PDB file of N, CA and C in Angstrom:
ATOM      1  N   MET A   1      48.595 -62.663  76.070  1.00  0.00           N
ATOM      2  CA  MET A   1      48.156 -61.387  75.889  1.00  0.00           C
ATOM      3  C   MET A   1      46.956 -61.503  75.114  1.00  0.00           C
ATOM      4  N   LEU A   2      46.372 -62.552  74.232  1.00  0.00           N
ATOM      5  CA  LEU A   2      45.437 -62.464  73.269  1.00  0.00           C
ATOM      6  C   LEU A   2      44.109 -62.803  74.169  1.00  0.00           C
ATOM      7  N   LEU A   3      44.163 -63.622  75.251  1.00  0.00           N
ATOM      8  CA  LEU A   3      43.130 -63.804  76.320  1.00  0.00           C
ATOM      9  C   LEU A   3      42.949 -62.268  76.831  1.00  0.00           C
ATOM     10  N   GLY A   4      43.755 -61.491  77.199  1.00  0.00           N
ATOM     11  CA  GLY A   4      43.469 -60.376  77.607  1.00  0.00           C
ATOM     12  C   GLY A   4      42.805 -59.414  76.798  1.00  0.00           C
ATOM     13  N   PHE A   5      43.070 -59.482  75.541  1.00  0.00           N
ATOM     14  CA  PHE A   5      42.494 -58.521  74.356  1.00  0.00           C
ATOM     15  C   PHE A   5      40.930 -58.981  74.431  1.00  0.00           C
ATOM     16  N   SER A   6      40.978 -60.185  74.361  1.00  0.00           N
ATOM     17  CA  SER A   6      39.390 -60.978  74.197  1.00  0.00           C
ATOM     18  C   SER A   6      38.665 -60.250  75.236  1.00  0.00           C
ATOM     19  N   LEU A   7      39.331 -60.426  76.669  1.00  0.00           N
ATOM     20  CA  LEU A   7      38.376 -59.821  77.700  1.00  0.00           C
ATOM     21  C   LEU A   7      38.058 -58.348  77.726  1.00  0.00           C
ATOM     22  N   LEU A   8      38.994 -57.827  77.076  1.00  0.00           N
ATOM     23  CA  LEU A   8      38.565 -56.169  76.761  1.00  0.00           C
ATOM     24  C   LEU A   8      37.488 -56.293  75.821  1.00  0.00           C
ATOM     25  N   CYS A   9      37.631 -57.013  75.013  1.00  0.00           N
ATOM     26  CA  CYS A   9      36.520 -56.895  73.990  1.00  0.00           C
ATOM     27  C   CYS A   9      35.232 -57.209  74.426  1.00  0.00           C
ATOM     28  N   LEU A  10      34.980 -57.968  75.393  1.00  0.00           N
ATOM     29  CA  LEU A  10      33.857 -58.443  76.010  1.00  0.00           C
ATOM     30  C   LEU A  10      33.446 -57.222  76.816  1.00  0.00           C
ATOM     31  N   VAL A  11      34.438 -56.618  77.568  1.00  0.00           N
ATOM     32  CA  VAL A  11      34.003 -55.445  78.266  1.00  0.00           C
ATOM     33  C   VAL A  11      33.307 -54.416  77.706  1.00  0.00           C
ATOM     34  N   GLU A  12      33.964 -54.156  76.127  1.00  0.00           N
ATOM     35  CA  GLU A  12      33.653 -53.170  75.388  1.00  0.00           C
ATOM     36  C   GLU A  12      32.227 -53.423  75.017  1.00  0.00           C
ATOM     37  N   LYS A  13      31.569 -54.572  74.590  1.00  0.00           N
ATOM     38  CA  LYS A  13      30.408 -55.129  74.433  1.00  0.00           C
ATOM     39  C   LYS A  13      29.312 -54.649  75.554  1.00  0.00           C
ATOM     40  N   HIS A  14      29.897 -55.039  76.759  1.00  0.00           N
ATOM     41  CA  HIS A  14      28.981 -54.922  77.824  1.00  0.00           C
ATOM     42  C   HIS A  14      28.548 -53.326  78.268  1.00  0.00           C
ATOM     43  N   PHE A  15      29.944 -53.061  78.079  1.00  0.00           N
ATOM     44  CA  PHE A  15      29.863 -51.438  78.472  1.00  0.00           C
ATOM     45  C   PHE A  15      30.411 -50.479  77.659  1.00  0.00           C
ATOM     46  N   PRO A  16      29.734 -50.136  76.179  1.00  0.00           N
ATOM     47  CA  PRO A  16      30.049 -49.677  75.190  1.00  0.00           C
ATOM     48  C   PRO A  16      30.255 -47.999  75.372  1.00  0.00           C
ATOM     49  N   SER A  17      29.361 -47.434  76.345  1.00  0.00           N
ATOM     50  CA  SER A  17      29.227 -46.175  76.863  1.00  0.00           C
ATOM     51  C   SER A  17      30.422 -45.708  77.572  1.00  0.00           C
ATOM     52  N   SER A  18      30.683 -46.384  78.462  1.00  0.00           N
ATOM     53  CA  SER A  18      31.753 -46.202  79.603  1.00  0.00           C
ATOM     54  C   SER A  18      33.510 -46.609  78.997  1.00  0.00           C
ATOM     55  N   ARG A  19      34.068 -45.545  78.792  1.00  0.00           N
ATOM     56  CA  ARG A  19      35.271 -45.690  78.371  1.00  0.00           C
ATOM     57  C   ARG A  19      36.494 -45.669  79.450  1.00  0.00           C
ATOM     58  N   VAL A  20      35.561 -45.415  80.769  1.00  0.00           N
ATOM     59  CA  VAL A  20      36.539 -45.395  82.133  1.00  0.00           C
ATOM     60  C   VAL A  20      36.847 -46.957  82.503  1.00  0.00           C
ATOM     61  N   SER A  21      35.636 -47.709  82.646  1.00  0.00           N
ATOM     62  CA  SER A  21      35.821 -48.905  83.124  1.00  0.00           C
ATOM     63  C   SER A  21      37.030 -49.668  81.914  1.00  0.00           C
ATOM     64  N   PHE A  22      36.852 -49.482  80.514  1.00  0.00           N
ATOM     65  CA  PHE A  22      37.616 -49.997  79.763  1.00  0.00           C
ATOM     66  C   PHE A  22      39.002 -49.653  79.956  1.00  0.00           C
ATOM     67  N   LEU A  23      39.322 -48.602  80.451  1.00  0.00           N
ATOM     68  CA  LEU A  23      40.631 -48.066  80.541  1.00  0.00           C
ATOM     69  C   LEU A  23      41.243 -48.593  81.963  1.00  0.00           C
ATOM     70  N   SER A  24      40.278 -48.794  82.966  1.00  0.00           N
ATOM     71  CA  SER A  24      40.592 -49.269  84.143  1.00  0.00           C
ATOM     72  C   SER A  24      41.049 -50.946  84.174  1.00  0.00           C
ATOM     73  N   VAL A  25      40.185 -51.802  83.239  1.00  0.00           N
ATOM     74  CA  VAL A  25      40.223 -52.811  83.157  1.00  0.00           C
ATOM     75  C   VAL A  25      41.621 -53.258  82.385  1.00  0.00           C
ATOM     76  N   GLN A  26      41.900 -52.221  81.321  1.00  0.00           N
ATOM     77  CA  GLN A  26      43.325 -52.464  80.657  1.00  0.00           C
ATOM     78  C   GLN A  26      44.415 -52.335  81.521  1.00  0.00           C
ATOM     79  N   GLU A  27      44.239 -51.321  82.371  1.00  0.00           N
ATOM     80  CA  GLU A  27      45.441 -50.952  83.223  1.00  0.00           C
ATOM     81  C   GLU A  27      45.437 -52.013  84.120  1.00  0.00           C
ATOM     82  N   GLU A  28      44.456 -52.564  84.768  1.00  0.00           N
ATOM     83  CA  GLU A  28      44.607 -53.794  85.792  1.00  0.00           C
ATOM     84  C   GLU A  28      45.531 -54.834  85.054  1.00  0.00           C
ATOM     85  N   LEU A  29      44.859 -55.305  83.657  1.00  0.00           N
ATOM     86  CA  LEU A  29      45.558 -56.389  82.881  1.00  0.00           C
ATOM     87  C   LEU A  29      47.039 -56.204  82.711  1.00  0.00           C
ATOM     88  N   MET A  30      47.383 -54.859  82.497  1.00  0.00           N
ATOM     89  CA  MET A  30      48.807 -54.490  82.425  1.00  0.00           C
ATOM     90  C   MET A  30      49.469 -54.879  83.694  1.00  0.00           C
ATOM     91  N   TYR A  31      49.065 -54.291  84.704  1.00  0.00           N
ATOM     92  CA  TYR A  31      49.659 -54.679  86.004  1.00  0.00           C
ATOM     93  C   TYR A  31      49.754 -56.173  86.149  1.00  0.00           C
ATOM     94  N   LEU A  32      48.747 -56.954  85.935  1.00  0.00           N
ATOM     95  CA  LEU A  32      48.585 -58.342  85.970  1.00  0.00           C
ATOM     96  C   LEU A  32      49.688 -59.064  85.209  1.00  0.00           C
ATOM     97  N   GLN A  33      49.832 -58.566  83.999  1.00  0.00           N
ATOM     98  CA  GLN A  33      50.711 -59.094  83.132  1.00  0.00           C
ATOM     99  C   GLN A  33      52.296 -58.958  83.644  1.00  0.00           C
ATOM    100  N   LEU A  34      52.180 -57.806  84.068  1.00  0.00           N
ATOM    101  CA  LEU A  34      53.786 -57.267  84.668  1.00  0.00           C
ATOM    102  C   LEU A  34      53.847 -58.290  86.101  1.00  0.00           C
ATOM    103  N   ALA A  35      52.950 -58.361  86.804  1.00  0.00           N
ATOM    104  CA  ALA A  35      53.077 -59.394  87.984  1.00  0.00           C
ATOM    105  C   ALA A  35      53.591 -60.655  87.524  1.00  0.00           C
ATOM    106  N   VAL A  36      52.784 -61.201  86.768  1.00  0.00           N
ATOM    107  CA  VAL A  36      53.153 -62.645  86.055  1.00  0.00           C
ATOM    108  C   VAL A  36      54.285 -62.772  85.315  1.00  0.00           C
ATOM    109  N   HIS A  37      54.694 -61.737  84.863  1.00  0.00           N
ATOM    110  CA  HIS A  37      56.255 -61.561  84.016  1.00  0.00           C
ATOM    111  C   HIS A  37      57.349 -61.379  85.137  1.00  0.00           C
ATOM    112  N   THR A  38      57.001 -60.714  86.285  1.00  0.00           N
ATOM    113  CA  THR A  38      58.016 -60.495  87.329  1.00  0.00           C
ATOM    114  C   THR A  38      58.280 -61.923  88.059  1.00  0.00           C
ATOM    115  N   HIS A  39      57.180 -62.515  88.185  1.00  0.00           N
ATOM    116  CA  HIS A  39      56.963 -63.886  89.112  1.00  0.00           C
ATOM    117  C   HIS A  39      57.853 -64.763  88.255  1.00  0.00           C
ATOM    118  N   PHE A  40      57.499 -64.650  86.800  1.00  0.00           N
ATOM    119  CA  PHE A  40      58.099 -65.655  86.191  1.00  0.00           C
ATOM    120  C   PHE A  40      59.742 -65.576  86.174  1.00  0.00           C
ATOM    121  N   LEU A  41      60.074 -64.373  86.052  1.00  0.00           N
ATOM    122  CA  LEU A  41      61.619 -63.926  86.015  1.00  0.00           C
ATOM    123  C   LEU A  41      62.381 -64.455  87.308  1.00  0.00           C
ATOM    124  N   TYR A  42      61.543 -64.136  88.293  1.00  0.00           N
ATOM    125  CA  TYR A  42      61.865 -64.641  89.763  1.00  0.00           C
ATOM    126  C   TYR A  42      61.935 -66.109  89.978  1.00  0.00           C
ATOM    127  N   GLN A  43      61.243 -66.982  89.320  1.00  0.00           N
ATOM    128  CA  GLN A  43      61.093 -68.204  89.297  1.00  0.00           C
ATOM    129  C   GLN A  43      62.547 -68.953  88.505  1.00  0.00           C
ATOM    130  N   GLN A  44      62.508 -68.044  87.328  1.00  0.00           N
ATOM    131  CA  GLN A  44      63.790 -68.451  86.655  1.00  0.00           C
ATOM    132  C   GLN A  44      65.083 -68.196  87.244  1.00  0.00           C
ATOM    133  N   LYS A  45      64.922 -67.359  87.952  1.00  0.00           N
ATOM    134  CA  LYS A  45      66.359 -66.785  88.760  1.00  0.00           C
ATOM    135  C   LYS A  45      66.658 -67.834  89.977  1.00  0.00           C
ATOM    136  N   LYS A  46      65.369 -68.380  90.502  1.00  0.00           N
ATOM    137  CA  LYS A  46      65.329 -69.162  91.664  1.00  0.00           C
ATOM    138  C   LYS A  46      66.110 -70.576  90.937  1.00  0.00           C
ATOM    139  N   VAL A  47      65.660 -70.847  89.864  1.00  0.00           N
ATOM    140  CA  VAL A  47      66.098 -72.388  89.306  1.00  0.00           C
ATOM    141  C   VAL A  47      67.411 -72.147  88.853  1.00  0.00           C
ATOM    142  N   LEU A  48      67.774 -71.088  88.575  1.00  0.00           N
ATOM    143  CA  LEU A  48      69.312 -70.879  88.208  1.00  0.00           C
ATOM    144  C   LEU A  48      69.910 -70.778  89.284  1.00  0.00           C
ATOM    145  N   LEU A  49      69.581 -70.082  90.473  1.00  0.00           N
ATOM    146  CA  LEU A  49      70.478 -70.419  91.694  1.00  0.00           C
ATOM    147  C   LEU A  49      70.713 -71.706  92.146  1.00  0.00           C
ATOM    148  N   CYS A  50      69.593 -72.294  92.173  1.00  0.00           N
ATOM    149  CA  CYS A  50      69.349 -73.872  92.665  1.00  0.00           C
ATOM    150  C   CYS A  50      70.310 -74.637  91.683  1.00  0.00           C
ATOM    151  N   SER A  51      70.345 -74.466  90.505  1.00  0.00           N
ATOM    152  CA  SER A  51      71.347 -75.340  89.557  1.00  0.00           C
ATOM    153  C   SER A  51      72.408 -75.038  89.827  1.00  0.00           C
ATOM    154  N   VAL A  52      72.885 -73.999  90.184  1.00  0.00           N
ATOM    155  CA  VAL A  52      74.493 -73.784  90.397  1.00  0.00           C
ATOM    156  C   VAL A  52      75.261 -74.624  91.492  1.00  0.00           C
TER     157      VAL A  52
END
């Protein structure tokens, strides 16, 4: 999550006036994080199912 935060800081530096782009990037990162988390849980379940 630290990487995402530093990315947001970069965006803020490049586009200090546009708060909309900041919000959309934040939203995209949130969805990305959710997708990665879901994928990770799915992989864990697969491993659990295979090991049984």
